[in-house]
């Protein structure tokens, strides 16, 4: 159950951080206004809280592993929200990052 919870928290953190950054981007660069920016800031703040809920107590490990989730999640977000189509090197890089997440977080210690 700890593994499922941890993966779920990483996914929630990715939605909050990437979604929050996207909302700020839309508010500023696409001139959608302060409501979008404010929503993004709230989501980014919630991301910081969700990261603390990981079962592992080591900040450096959690944030290092989350970096790999962020890379893959950012590409996925771009595909869904902006119609971005990753090339094979984007996909390979994301898979390498996710392999790093697995090693950092879930290797037996």
Protein backbone atom coordinates (compact mmCIF):
# COMPACT_ATOMS: atom_id res chain seq x y z
CA UNK A 1 0.00 0.00 0.00
CA UNK A 2 2.92 2.36 0.66
CA UNK A 3 4.05 2.10 -2.98
CA UNK A 4 0.58 2.90 -4.33
CA UNK A 5 0.26 5.87 -1.95
CA UNK A 6 3.68 7.18 -2.89
CA UNK A 7 2.98 6.96 -6.63
CA UNK A 8 -0.40 8.62 -6.13
CA UNK A 9 1.21 11.48 -4.20
CA UNK A 10 3.80 11.95 -6.95
CA UNK A 11 1.03 12.11 -9.55
CA UNK A 12 -0.98 14.60 -7.48
CA UNK A 13 2.13 16.71 -6.92
CA UNK A 14 2.79 16.72 -10.67
CA UNK A 15 -0.74 17.85 -11.48
CA UNK A 16 -0.51 20.65 -8.92
CA UNK A 17 2.96 21.87 -9.85
CA UNK A 18 2.73 21.52 -13.61
CA UNK A 19 -0.88 22.70 -13.63
CA UNK A 20 -0.02 25.64 -11.41
CA UNK A 21 2.89 26.68 -13.58
CA UNK A 22 0.69 26.29 -16.69
CA UNK A 23 -1.99 28.52 -15.15
CA UNK A 24 0.58 31.21 -14.37
CA UNK A 25 1.95 30.85 -17.91
CA UNK A 26 -1.53 31.25 -19.37
CA UNK A 27 -2.26 34.23 -17.15
CA UNK A 28 0.93 36.08 -18.01
CA UNK A 29 1.99 35.01 -21.50
CA UNK A 30 -1.48 34.50 -22.96
CA UNK A 31 -2.95 37.49 -21.10
CA UNK A 32 -5.73 35.53 -19.41
CA UNK A 33 -5.55 37.64 -16.29
CA UNK A 34 -5.04 37.59 -12.57
CA UNK A 35 -7.58 34.85 -11.85
CA UNK A 36 -5.47 32.37 -13.81
CA UNK A 37 -2.29 33.58 -12.13
CA UNK A 38 -3.92 33.36 -8.68
CA UNK A 39 -5.19 29.85 -9.37
CA UNK A 40 -1.70 28.88 -10.43
CA UNK A 41 -0.16 30.29 -7.26
CA UNK A 42 -2.64 28.37 -5.12
CA UNK A 43 -1.90 25.13 -6.99
CA UNK A 44 1.85 25.68 -6.61
CA UNK A 45 1.41 26.20 -2.86
CA UNK A 46 -0.61 23.00 -2.59
CA UNK A 47 2.12 21.15 -4.48
CA UNK A 48 4.58 22.11 -1.75
CA UNK A 49 2.25 20.68 0.87
CA UNK A 50 1.55 17.42 -1.01
CA UNK A 51 5.27 16.71 -1.30
CA UNK A 52 5.47 16.56 2.52
CA UNK A 53 2.98 13.67 2.60
CA UNK A 54 5.36 11.16 1.00
CA UNK A 55 6.06 8.20 3.31
CA UNK A 56 9.85 8.67 3.02
CA UNK A 57 11.13 11.35 5.41
CA UNK A 58 14.15 12.49 3.36
CA UNK A 59 13.52 15.81 1.63
CA UNK A 60 16.41 15.44 -0.81
CA UNK A 61 15.32 11.98 -1.91
CA UNK A 62 11.69 13.01 -2.42
CA UNK A 63 12.53 16.11 -4.45
CA UNK A 64 15.20 14.34 -6.50
CA UNK A 65 12.79 11.55 -7.39
CA UNK A 66 9.98 14.01 -8.04
CA UNK A 67 12.21 15.69 -10.62
CA UNK A 68 11.84 12.62 -12.83
CA UNK A 69 8.07 12.63 -12.38
CA UNK A 70 8.06 16.32 -13.28
CA UNK A 71 9.95 15.69 -16.53
CA UNK A 72 7.57 12.96 -17.71
CA UNK A 73 4.52 14.81 -16.41
CA UNK A 74 5.48 18.02 -18.18
CA UNK A 75 5.67 16.24 -21.51
CA UNK A 76 2.31 14.56 -20.86
CA UNK A 77 0.73 17.89 -19.83
CA UNK A 78 2.04 19.52 -22.99
CA UNK A 79 0.47 16.76 -25.07
CA UNK A 80 -2.94 17.10 -23.43
CA UNK A 81 -3.12 20.86 -22.85
CA UNK A 82 -1.14 22.29 -25.73
CA UNK A 83 -1.10 19.62 -28.45
CA UNK A 84 2.65 19.09 -28.11
CA UNK A 85 3.95 15.93 -29.74
CA UNK A 86 7.14 14.62 -28.12
CA UNK A 87 9.73 13.03 -30.36
CA UNK A 88 11.45 9.74 -29.60
CA UNK A 89 14.21 11.47 -27.65
CA UNK A 90 11.67 13.24 -25.42
CA UNK A 91 10.04 9.88 -24.72
CA UNK A 92 13.39 8.16 -24.12
CA UNK A 93 14.49 10.92 -21.76
CA UNK A 94 11.23 10.70 -19.82
CA UNK A 95 11.56 6.93 -19.50
CA UNK A 96 15.13 7.31 -18.24
CA UNK A 97 13.90 9.85 -15.68
CA UNK A 98 11.14 7.49 -14.51
CA UNK A 99 13.67 4.68 -14.18
CA UNK A 100 15.66 7.04 -11.96
CA UNK A 101 12.57 7.68 -9.86
CA UNK A 102 12.14 3.93 -9.35
CA UNK A 103 15.77 3.49 -8.30
CA UNK A 104 15.82 6.49 -5.97
CA UNK A 105 12.49 5.81 -4.27
CA UNK A 106 11.79 2.12 -4.41
CA UNK A 107 15.12 0.27 -4.46
CA UNK A 108 15.50 -1.97 -1.40
CA UNK A 109 17.61 -0.36 1.32
